N, C-alpha and C. Protein backbone atom coordinates (compact mmCIF):
# COMPACT_ATOMS: atom_id res chain seq x y z
N MET A 1 -9.96 -31.84 -25.81
CA MET A 1 -8.86 -30.99 -26.24
C MET A 1 -8.57 -29.86 -25.25
N ILE A 2 -9.51 -29.54 -24.37
CA ILE A 2 -9.27 -28.48 -23.40
C ILE A 2 -8.42 -29.06 -22.27
N PRO A 3 -7.32 -28.38 -21.94
CA PRO A 3 -6.44 -28.89 -20.88
C PRO A 3 -7.15 -28.93 -19.52
N ASP A 4 -6.77 -29.92 -18.74
CA ASP A 4 -7.27 -30.02 -17.38
C ASP A 4 -6.09 -30.31 -16.47
N PRO A 5 -5.68 -29.40 -15.65
CA PRO A 5 -6.34 -28.16 -15.28
C PRO A 5 -6.12 -27.06 -16.34
N LEU A 6 -7.09 -26.18 -16.45
CA LEU A 6 -7.05 -25.12 -17.45
C LEU A 6 -6.19 -23.93 -17.01
N HIS A 7 -6.19 -23.63 -15.73
CA HIS A 7 -5.48 -22.45 -15.23
C HIS A 7 -4.00 -22.39 -15.65
N PRO A 8 -3.22 -23.45 -15.46
CA PRO A 8 -1.81 -23.37 -15.87
C PRO A 8 -1.62 -23.10 -17.37
N ALA A 9 -2.56 -23.53 -18.19
CA ALA A 9 -2.45 -23.27 -19.63
C ALA A 9 -2.80 -21.82 -19.95
N VAL A 10 -3.77 -21.27 -19.26
CA VAL A 10 -4.27 -19.92 -19.55
C VAL A 10 -3.32 -18.84 -19.05
N VAL A 11 -2.63 -19.08 -17.94
CA VAL A 11 -1.82 -18.02 -17.33
C VAL A 11 -0.64 -17.58 -18.19
N HIS A 12 -0.29 -18.36 -19.17
CA HIS A 12 0.83 -17.96 -20.02
C HIS A 12 0.48 -16.80 -20.95
N PHE A 13 -0.80 -16.61 -21.24
CA PHE A 13 -1.19 -15.50 -22.10
C PHE A 13 -0.94 -14.15 -21.46
N PRO A 14 -1.40 -13.90 -20.22
CA PRO A 14 -1.07 -12.60 -19.63
C PRO A 14 0.43 -12.40 -19.44
N ILE A 15 1.16 -13.48 -19.21
CA ILE A 15 2.61 -13.35 -19.07
C ILE A 15 3.21 -12.83 -20.37
N VAL A 16 2.80 -13.41 -21.48
CA VAL A 16 3.31 -12.96 -22.79
C VAL A 16 2.94 -11.51 -23.04
N PHE A 17 1.67 -11.16 -22.79
CA PHE A 17 1.23 -9.79 -23.07
C PHE A 17 1.89 -8.76 -22.16
N VAL A 18 2.12 -9.11 -20.90
CA VAL A 18 2.73 -8.14 -19.99
C VAL A 18 4.20 -7.93 -20.32
N VAL A 19 4.86 -8.93 -20.88
CA VAL A 19 6.26 -8.77 -21.30
C VAL A 19 6.32 -7.99 -22.61
N MET A 20 5.37 -8.25 -23.51
CA MET A 20 5.35 -7.56 -24.80
C MET A 20 4.96 -6.09 -24.68
N LEU A 21 4.10 -5.76 -23.73
CA LEU A 21 3.54 -4.42 -23.63
C LEU A 21 4.60 -3.31 -23.55
N PRO A 22 5.57 -3.39 -22.65
CA PRO A 22 6.57 -2.32 -22.62
C PRO A 22 7.36 -2.19 -23.93
N VAL A 23 7.62 -3.30 -24.57
CA VAL A 23 8.34 -3.28 -25.85
C VAL A 23 7.49 -2.57 -26.89
N LEU A 24 6.21 -2.89 -26.93
CA LEU A 24 5.30 -2.24 -27.88
C LEU A 24 5.16 -0.75 -27.58
N VAL A 25 5.13 -0.39 -26.31
CA VAL A 25 5.04 1.02 -25.93
C VAL A 25 6.25 1.78 -26.44
N VAL A 26 7.44 1.24 -26.21
CA VAL A 26 8.66 1.90 -26.68
C VAL A 26 8.64 2.04 -28.20
N GLY A 27 8.25 0.97 -28.88
CA GLY A 27 8.17 1.01 -30.34
C GLY A 27 7.16 2.03 -30.84
N ALA A 28 6.01 2.12 -30.19
CA ALA A 28 4.99 3.08 -30.60
C ALA A 28 5.43 4.51 -30.32
N LEU A 29 6.06 4.75 -29.17
CA LEU A 29 6.56 6.10 -28.88
C LEU A 29 7.62 6.51 -29.90
N TRP A 30 8.48 5.58 -30.25
CA TRP A 30 9.51 5.85 -31.26
C TRP A 30 8.86 6.16 -32.61
N ALA A 31 7.85 5.36 -32.99
CA ALA A 31 7.17 5.55 -34.27
C ALA A 31 6.45 6.89 -34.33
N VAL A 32 5.79 7.28 -33.24
CA VAL A 32 5.10 8.58 -33.20
C VAL A 32 6.12 9.71 -33.33
N ARG A 33 7.23 9.55 -32.66
CA ARG A 33 8.28 10.59 -32.73
C ARG A 33 8.84 10.72 -34.14
N ARG A 34 8.85 9.62 -34.89
CA ARG A 34 9.37 9.63 -36.26
C ARG A 34 8.31 10.04 -37.28
N GLY A 35 7.08 10.34 -36.81
CA GLY A 35 6.07 10.87 -37.71
C GLY A 35 4.92 9.94 -38.05
N THR A 36 4.91 8.74 -37.52
CA THR A 36 3.78 7.83 -37.76
C THR A 36 2.54 8.40 -37.08
N ALA A 37 1.40 8.25 -37.71
CA ALA A 37 0.15 8.73 -37.12
C ALA A 37 -0.06 8.09 -35.75
N ILE A 38 -0.50 8.90 -34.80
CA ILE A 38 -0.68 8.43 -33.43
C ILE A 38 -1.62 7.24 -33.37
N LYS A 39 -2.76 7.33 -34.05
CA LYS A 39 -3.73 6.23 -33.98
C LYS A 39 -3.14 4.95 -34.55
N ARG A 40 -2.38 5.06 -35.60
CA ARG A 40 -1.78 3.87 -36.20
C ARG A 40 -0.76 3.23 -35.26
N ALA A 41 0.13 4.03 -34.70
CA ALA A 41 1.19 3.50 -33.84
C ALA A 41 0.64 3.05 -32.49
N TRP A 42 -0.20 3.84 -31.87
CA TRP A 42 -0.64 3.57 -30.50
C TRP A 42 -1.74 2.53 -30.44
N SER A 43 -2.46 2.30 -31.52
CA SER A 43 -3.53 1.28 -31.54
C SER A 43 -2.99 -0.10 -31.20
N VAL A 44 -1.79 -0.38 -31.65
CA VAL A 44 -1.17 -1.68 -31.36
C VAL A 44 -1.00 -1.84 -29.84
N VAL A 45 -0.61 -0.78 -29.18
CA VAL A 45 -0.43 -0.80 -27.73
C VAL A 45 -1.78 -1.00 -27.03
N VAL A 46 -2.80 -0.30 -27.51
CA VAL A 46 -4.13 -0.41 -26.90
C VAL A 46 -4.67 -1.84 -27.06
N VAL A 47 -4.50 -2.42 -28.24
CA VAL A 47 -4.95 -3.79 -28.47
C VAL A 47 -4.21 -4.76 -27.53
N ALA A 48 -2.90 -4.60 -27.42
CA ALA A 48 -2.12 -5.46 -26.52
C ALA A 48 -2.57 -5.30 -25.08
N ALA A 49 -2.85 -4.06 -24.65
CA ALA A 49 -3.33 -3.82 -23.28
C ALA A 49 -4.70 -4.45 -23.10
N GLY A 50 -5.53 -4.42 -24.11
CA GLY A 50 -6.84 -5.06 -24.05
C GLY A 50 -6.72 -6.58 -23.94
N LEU A 51 -5.81 -7.15 -24.70
CA LEU A 51 -5.57 -8.59 -24.63
C LEU A 51 -4.99 -8.97 -23.27
N LEU A 52 -4.16 -8.12 -22.71
CA LEU A 52 -3.62 -8.36 -21.37
C LEU A 52 -4.74 -8.37 -20.34
N ALA A 53 -5.61 -7.36 -20.37
CA ALA A 53 -6.70 -7.30 -19.41
C ALA A 53 -7.64 -8.49 -19.58
N SER A 54 -7.96 -8.85 -20.82
CA SER A 54 -8.86 -9.98 -21.07
C SER A 54 -8.26 -11.30 -20.60
N SER A 55 -7.00 -11.52 -20.93
CA SER A 55 -6.36 -12.78 -20.54
C SER A 55 -6.15 -12.83 -19.02
N SER A 56 -5.96 -11.68 -18.40
CA SER A 56 -5.84 -11.63 -16.94
C SER A 56 -7.15 -12.01 -16.28
N TRP A 57 -8.24 -11.51 -16.85
CA TRP A 57 -9.56 -11.87 -16.33
C TRP A 57 -9.76 -13.38 -16.43
N LEU A 58 -9.41 -13.95 -17.58
CA LEU A 58 -9.58 -15.39 -17.78
C LEU A 58 -8.70 -16.19 -16.80
N ALA A 59 -7.49 -15.71 -16.58
CA ALA A 59 -6.59 -16.39 -15.64
C ALA A 59 -7.17 -16.37 -14.22
N VAL A 60 -7.71 -15.23 -13.81
CA VAL A 60 -8.32 -15.14 -12.47
C VAL A 60 -9.52 -16.06 -12.38
N ARG A 61 -10.37 -16.07 -13.41
CA ARG A 61 -11.57 -16.92 -13.39
C ARG A 61 -11.19 -18.40 -13.31
N THR A 62 -10.22 -18.83 -14.10
CA THR A 62 -9.84 -20.24 -14.07
C THR A 62 -9.16 -20.58 -12.75
N GLY A 63 -8.44 -19.64 -12.17
CA GLY A 63 -7.83 -19.86 -10.87
C GLY A 63 -8.88 -20.05 -9.78
N ILE A 64 -9.91 -19.22 -9.82
CA ILE A 64 -11.00 -19.35 -8.85
C ILE A 64 -11.70 -20.70 -9.00
N ALA A 65 -11.88 -21.11 -10.25
CA ALA A 65 -12.57 -22.38 -10.51
C ALA A 65 -11.78 -23.57 -9.99
N GLN A 66 -10.47 -23.47 -9.91
CA GLN A 66 -9.65 -24.60 -9.50
C GLN A 66 -9.11 -24.47 -8.08
N GLU A 67 -9.50 -23.41 -7.40
CA GLU A 67 -9.00 -23.15 -6.06
C GLU A 67 -9.36 -24.25 -5.07
N ASP A 68 -10.60 -24.72 -5.09
CA ASP A 68 -11.04 -25.72 -4.11
C ASP A 68 -10.19 -26.98 -4.17
N ARG A 69 -9.85 -27.39 -5.35
CA ARG A 69 -9.06 -28.62 -5.49
C ARG A 69 -7.63 -28.43 -5.00
N VAL A 70 -7.04 -27.29 -5.34
CA VAL A 70 -5.64 -27.04 -4.97
C VAL A 70 -5.50 -26.77 -3.48
N GLU A 71 -6.51 -26.16 -2.86
CA GLU A 71 -6.37 -25.85 -1.44
C GLU A 71 -6.35 -27.10 -0.56
N LYS A 72 -6.64 -28.25 -1.15
CA LYS A 72 -6.54 -29.51 -0.40
C LYS A 72 -5.09 -29.94 -0.20
N VAL A 73 -4.18 -29.42 -1.05
CA VAL A 73 -2.78 -29.84 -0.96
C VAL A 73 -1.82 -28.68 -0.67
N VAL A 74 -2.30 -27.46 -0.71
CA VAL A 74 -1.45 -26.29 -0.49
C VAL A 74 -1.98 -25.51 0.71
N ALA A 75 -1.08 -25.03 1.54
CA ALA A 75 -1.48 -24.22 2.69
C ALA A 75 -2.18 -22.95 2.22
N GLU A 76 -3.00 -22.40 3.09
CA GLU A 76 -3.81 -21.24 2.74
C GLU A 76 -2.97 -20.00 2.43
N ARG A 77 -1.92 -19.77 3.18
CA ARG A 77 -1.14 -18.54 3.04
C ARG A 77 -0.57 -18.36 1.63
N PRO A 78 0.17 -19.32 1.06
CA PRO A 78 0.70 -19.09 -0.29
C PRO A 78 -0.39 -19.05 -1.36
N LEU A 79 -1.44 -19.81 -1.17
CA LEU A 79 -2.55 -19.79 -2.12
C LEU A 79 -3.23 -18.42 -2.09
N HIS A 80 -3.46 -17.90 -0.90
CA HIS A 80 -4.09 -16.59 -0.76
C HIS A 80 -3.19 -15.49 -1.32
N SER A 81 -1.91 -15.61 -1.11
CA SER A 81 -0.96 -14.63 -1.63
C SER A 81 -1.02 -14.57 -3.16
N HIS A 82 -1.08 -15.73 -3.79
CA HIS A 82 -1.17 -15.78 -5.25
C HIS A 82 -2.51 -15.24 -5.74
N GLU A 83 -3.56 -15.61 -5.05
CA GLU A 83 -4.90 -15.14 -5.42
C GLU A 83 -4.97 -13.61 -5.34
N GLU A 84 -4.47 -13.04 -4.26
CA GLU A 84 -4.47 -11.58 -4.10
C GLU A 84 -3.63 -10.90 -5.18
N ALA A 85 -2.47 -11.46 -5.47
CA ALA A 85 -1.61 -10.89 -6.51
C ALA A 85 -2.30 -10.94 -7.87
N GLY A 86 -2.99 -12.03 -8.15
CA GLY A 86 -3.71 -12.16 -9.41
C GLY A 86 -4.85 -11.17 -9.53
N GLU A 87 -5.61 -11.00 -8.47
CA GLU A 87 -6.72 -10.03 -8.49
C GLU A 87 -6.20 -8.60 -8.62
N ARG A 88 -5.10 -8.30 -7.92
CA ARG A 88 -4.49 -6.97 -8.02
C ARG A 88 -4.00 -6.72 -9.45
N PHE A 89 -3.39 -7.74 -10.04
CA PHE A 89 -2.91 -7.63 -11.41
C PHE A 89 -4.05 -7.39 -12.39
N LEU A 90 -5.16 -8.07 -12.19
CA LEU A 90 -6.33 -7.86 -13.04
C LEU A 90 -6.80 -6.41 -12.95
N ILE A 91 -6.94 -5.90 -11.75
CA ILE A 91 -7.38 -4.51 -11.56
C ILE A 91 -6.39 -3.55 -12.22
N LEU A 92 -5.11 -3.77 -11.99
CA LEU A 92 -4.10 -2.90 -12.59
C LEU A 92 -4.10 -2.98 -14.12
N SER A 93 -4.36 -4.16 -14.66
CA SER A 93 -4.37 -4.28 -16.12
C SER A 93 -5.57 -3.56 -16.72
N VAL A 94 -6.71 -3.55 -16.03
CA VAL A 94 -7.87 -2.80 -16.52
C VAL A 94 -7.61 -1.30 -16.42
N VAL A 95 -7.05 -0.86 -15.30
CA VAL A 95 -6.70 0.55 -15.15
C VAL A 95 -5.65 0.93 -16.20
N GLY A 96 -4.66 0.06 -16.40
CA GLY A 96 -3.64 0.31 -17.42
C GLY A 96 -4.24 0.45 -18.80
N LEU A 97 -5.21 -0.38 -19.12
CA LEU A 97 -5.90 -0.29 -20.41
C LEU A 97 -6.57 1.07 -20.56
N ALA A 98 -7.24 1.53 -19.52
CA ALA A 98 -7.91 2.83 -19.57
C ALA A 98 -6.90 3.96 -19.78
N VAL A 99 -5.79 3.91 -19.05
CA VAL A 99 -4.76 4.94 -19.17
C VAL A 99 -4.13 4.89 -20.56
N ILE A 100 -3.78 3.69 -20.99
CA ILE A 100 -3.16 3.53 -22.31
C ILE A 100 -4.12 3.98 -23.41
N GLY A 101 -5.41 3.73 -23.22
CA GLY A 101 -6.41 4.15 -24.19
C GLY A 101 -6.44 5.65 -24.39
N THR A 102 -6.13 6.42 -23.33
CA THR A 102 -6.11 7.88 -23.49
C THR A 102 -4.99 8.34 -24.40
N GLY A 103 -4.01 7.48 -24.62
CA GLY A 103 -2.92 7.82 -25.53
C GLY A 103 -3.37 7.97 -26.97
N LEU A 104 -4.57 7.52 -27.30
CA LEU A 104 -5.11 7.69 -28.65
C LEU A 104 -5.64 9.11 -28.89
N LEU A 105 -5.83 9.85 -27.81
CA LEU A 105 -6.35 11.21 -27.94
C LEU A 105 -5.28 12.14 -28.50
N LYS A 106 -5.74 13.23 -29.06
CA LYS A 106 -4.81 14.22 -29.62
C LYS A 106 -4.41 15.23 -28.56
N GLY A 107 -3.38 15.96 -28.84
CA GLY A 107 -2.96 17.04 -27.97
C GLY A 107 -2.24 16.58 -26.72
N SER A 108 -2.27 17.48 -25.73
CA SER A 108 -1.50 17.24 -24.51
C SER A 108 -2.09 16.09 -23.69
N VAL A 109 -3.40 15.89 -23.75
CA VAL A 109 -4.01 14.79 -23.01
C VAL A 109 -3.51 13.45 -23.57
N GLY A 110 -3.51 13.31 -24.88
CA GLY A 110 -3.02 12.09 -25.51
C GLY A 110 -1.54 11.86 -25.25
N ARG A 111 -0.75 12.94 -25.34
CA ARG A 111 0.69 12.84 -25.08
C ARG A 111 0.93 12.38 -23.65
N ALA A 112 0.22 12.97 -22.71
CA ALA A 112 0.35 12.56 -21.31
C ALA A 112 -0.10 11.11 -21.14
N GLY A 113 -1.18 10.73 -21.82
CA GLY A 113 -1.67 9.35 -21.74
C GLY A 113 -0.64 8.35 -22.24
N ARG A 114 0.09 8.72 -23.29
CA ARG A 114 1.11 7.82 -23.81
C ARG A 114 2.27 7.68 -22.83
N TRP A 115 2.69 8.77 -22.22
CA TRP A 115 3.81 8.68 -21.28
C TRP A 115 3.40 8.02 -19.96
N VAL A 116 2.20 8.33 -19.49
CA VAL A 116 1.72 7.66 -18.28
C VAL A 116 1.46 6.18 -18.59
N GLY A 117 1.00 5.90 -19.81
CA GLY A 117 0.82 4.52 -20.24
C GLY A 117 2.13 3.76 -20.26
N ALA A 118 3.21 4.44 -20.62
CA ALA A 118 4.52 3.80 -20.60
C ALA A 118 4.91 3.42 -19.17
N VAL A 119 4.64 4.31 -18.24
CA VAL A 119 4.92 4.02 -16.83
C VAL A 119 4.03 2.87 -16.35
N ALA A 120 2.76 2.91 -16.77
CA ALA A 120 1.83 1.84 -16.39
C ALA A 120 2.30 0.49 -16.92
N ALA A 121 2.83 0.46 -18.14
CA ALA A 121 3.32 -0.80 -18.71
C ALA A 121 4.47 -1.36 -17.87
N GLY A 122 5.34 -0.48 -17.40
CA GLY A 122 6.43 -0.91 -16.52
C GLY A 122 5.92 -1.42 -15.19
N ALA A 123 4.94 -0.73 -14.62
CA ALA A 123 4.36 -1.16 -13.35
C ALA A 123 3.64 -2.50 -13.51
N LEU A 124 2.96 -2.68 -14.64
CA LEU A 124 2.28 -3.95 -14.90
C LEU A 124 3.29 -5.09 -15.01
N LEU A 125 4.43 -4.81 -15.59
CA LEU A 125 5.46 -5.85 -15.70
C LEU A 125 5.90 -6.31 -14.31
N LEU A 126 6.08 -5.36 -13.40
CA LEU A 126 6.45 -5.72 -12.02
C LEU A 126 5.34 -6.49 -11.32
N ALA A 127 4.10 -6.04 -11.50
CA ALA A 127 2.96 -6.75 -10.88
C ALA A 127 2.80 -8.14 -11.49
N GLY A 128 3.03 -8.26 -12.78
CA GLY A 128 2.95 -9.56 -13.44
C GLY A 128 4.03 -10.50 -12.94
N TRP A 129 5.21 -9.96 -12.69
CA TRP A 129 6.29 -10.78 -12.13
C TRP A 129 5.86 -11.34 -10.78
N GLN A 130 5.22 -10.51 -9.96
CA GLN A 130 4.80 -10.97 -8.63
C GLN A 130 3.78 -12.10 -8.74
N VAL A 131 2.82 -11.97 -9.65
CA VAL A 131 1.82 -13.03 -9.82
C VAL A 131 2.49 -14.31 -10.30
N GLY A 132 3.36 -14.17 -11.30
CA GLY A 132 4.06 -15.34 -11.82
C GLY A 132 4.93 -16.01 -10.77
N HIS A 133 5.59 -15.19 -9.97
CA HIS A 133 6.46 -15.73 -8.92
C HIS A 133 5.65 -16.52 -7.89
N THR A 134 4.56 -15.95 -7.42
CA THR A 134 3.75 -16.66 -6.43
C THR A 134 3.10 -17.90 -7.04
N GLY A 135 2.72 -17.82 -8.31
CA GLY A 135 2.16 -19.00 -8.98
C GLY A 135 3.20 -20.09 -9.16
N GLY A 136 4.40 -19.69 -9.53
CA GLY A 136 5.49 -20.66 -9.65
C GLY A 136 5.81 -21.32 -8.33
N GLU A 137 5.76 -20.55 -7.26
CA GLU A 137 6.00 -21.12 -5.94
C GLU A 137 4.91 -22.14 -5.58
N LEU A 138 3.67 -21.82 -5.94
CA LEU A 138 2.59 -22.79 -5.68
C LEU A 138 2.86 -24.11 -6.39
N ALA A 139 3.26 -24.00 -7.65
CA ALA A 139 3.46 -25.21 -8.45
C ALA A 139 4.71 -25.97 -8.05
N TYR A 140 5.82 -25.25 -7.89
CA TYR A 140 7.11 -25.93 -7.73
C TYR A 140 7.59 -26.08 -6.30
N ARG A 141 7.13 -25.21 -5.42
CA ARG A 141 7.58 -25.31 -4.03
C ARG A 141 6.52 -25.95 -3.14
N HIS A 142 5.26 -25.62 -3.41
CA HIS A 142 4.18 -26.08 -2.55
C HIS A 142 3.40 -27.26 -3.12
N GLY A 143 3.74 -27.72 -4.30
CA GLY A 143 3.14 -28.92 -4.85
C GLY A 143 1.71 -28.80 -5.34
N ALA A 144 1.30 -27.63 -5.82
CA ALA A 144 -0.08 -27.45 -6.28
C ALA A 144 -0.46 -28.42 -7.38
N ALA A 145 0.47 -28.77 -8.23
CA ALA A 145 0.17 -29.69 -9.33
C ALA A 145 -0.22 -31.07 -8.82
N SER A 146 0.21 -31.41 -7.62
CA SER A 146 -0.12 -32.73 -7.09
C SER A 146 -1.61 -32.90 -6.86
N ALA A 147 -2.36 -31.80 -6.86
CA ALA A 147 -3.82 -31.90 -6.71
C ALA A 147 -4.45 -32.59 -7.91
N TYR A 148 -3.70 -32.70 -8.98
CA TYR A 148 -4.21 -33.29 -10.22
C TYR A 148 -3.61 -34.66 -10.53
N HIS A 149 -2.89 -35.22 -9.58
CA HIS A 149 -2.30 -36.56 -9.74
C HIS A 149 -2.97 -37.49 -8.75
N GLN A 150 -3.59 -38.54 -9.23
CA GLN A 150 -4.25 -39.48 -8.33
C GLN A 150 -3.23 -40.12 -7.41
N GLY A 151 -3.59 -40.23 -6.16
CA GLY A 151 -2.73 -40.86 -5.18
C GLY A 151 -1.69 -39.91 -4.60
N ALA A 152 -1.45 -38.81 -5.28
CA ALA A 152 -0.43 -37.87 -4.80
C ALA A 152 -1.00 -36.89 -3.79
N VAL A 153 -2.32 -36.75 -3.74
CA VAL A 153 -2.93 -35.78 -2.83
C VAL A 153 -2.59 -36.09 -1.39
N ALA A 154 -2.64 -37.34 -1.02
CA ALA A 154 -2.35 -37.70 0.37
C ALA A 154 -0.89 -37.47 0.71
N ALA A 155 0.00 -37.57 -0.28
CA ALA A 155 1.42 -37.39 -0.02
C ALA A 155 1.84 -35.92 -0.01
N ALA A 156 1.06 -35.07 -0.61
CA ALA A 156 1.45 -33.66 -0.72
C ALA A 156 1.30 -32.97 0.63
N ARG A 157 2.26 -32.12 0.93
CA ARG A 157 2.23 -31.36 2.17
C ARG A 157 2.67 -29.93 1.88
N PRO A 158 2.00 -28.96 2.49
CA PRO A 158 2.45 -27.57 2.34
C PRO A 158 3.83 -27.41 2.96
N VAL A 159 4.67 -26.63 2.31
CA VAL A 159 6.03 -26.42 2.81
C VAL A 159 6.33 -24.94 2.94
N ASP A 160 5.38 -24.18 3.43
CA ASP A 160 5.58 -22.73 3.50
C ASP A 160 6.16 -22.28 4.83
N GLY A 161 6.49 -23.21 5.70
CA GLY A 161 7.07 -22.83 6.98
C GLY A 161 6.02 -22.49 8.03
N ASP A 162 4.76 -22.58 7.69
CA ASP A 162 3.70 -22.28 8.64
C ASP A 162 3.30 -23.58 9.32
N HIS A 163 3.90 -23.87 10.45
CA HIS A 163 3.71 -25.14 11.15
C HIS A 163 2.26 -25.34 11.58
N ASP A 164 1.59 -24.26 11.99
CA ASP A 164 0.21 -24.40 12.43
C ASP A 164 -0.67 -24.92 11.30
N GLU A 165 -0.50 -24.39 10.10
CA GLU A 165 -1.31 -24.84 8.97
C GLU A 165 -0.98 -26.29 8.62
N ARG A 166 0.30 -26.66 8.66
CA ARG A 166 0.66 -28.05 8.34
C ARG A 166 0.10 -29.01 9.37
N GLU A 167 0.17 -28.62 10.64
CA GLU A 167 -0.37 -29.48 11.69
C GLU A 167 -1.88 -29.62 11.55
N GLU A 168 -2.56 -28.51 11.24
CA GLU A 168 -3.99 -28.57 11.04
C GLU A 168 -4.33 -29.45 9.85
N TYR A 169 -3.55 -29.34 8.81
CA TYR A 169 -3.75 -30.14 7.60
C TYR A 169 -3.58 -31.62 7.93
N ALA A 170 -2.54 -31.95 8.70
CA ALA A 170 -2.29 -33.34 9.08
C ALA A 170 -3.41 -33.89 9.95
N ARG A 171 -3.97 -33.08 10.85
CA ARG A 171 -5.06 -33.51 11.72
C ARG A 171 -6.32 -33.80 10.93
N GLU A 172 -6.54 -33.06 9.83
CA GLU A 172 -7.74 -33.26 9.03
C GLU A 172 -7.76 -34.62 8.37
N GLU A 173 -6.58 -35.16 8.10
CA GLU A 173 -6.49 -36.45 7.44
C GLU A 173 -6.56 -37.50 8.47
């Protein structure tokens, strides 16, 4: 029942959470302004940020586990670009969780944490877009999925415009 490859199935969770997070932040800020208790309103945001960080960690781990297979059909440059974007996103999501968590505090520190958390949610959305974009390019432009189709591995070729890598790849076969 577990999908193989697992990485493409797992990566949709951080995408959902990173898109939901700014919406939840706006809703929580609105609710606090209307008189809802800070812990009640902002806890939803903290939980979503925690789920984002957790699912990002899982996405990075599954990506690392499947890297060896995919690098046989995809040039190093786009694969490395996606890997770096994913690791950066994981770090930012953990930092974002810490910042957003300060929004549960009372007083000016909590207020600042909520507003800085709102900015962090927006920045995470941009970083998430970059990871998704590079991952989509791996799958749809560079043929990463072909690593999981028998007989297709030999036909797959990197198309990133890096002639040296393609020539090296062709020589290896």
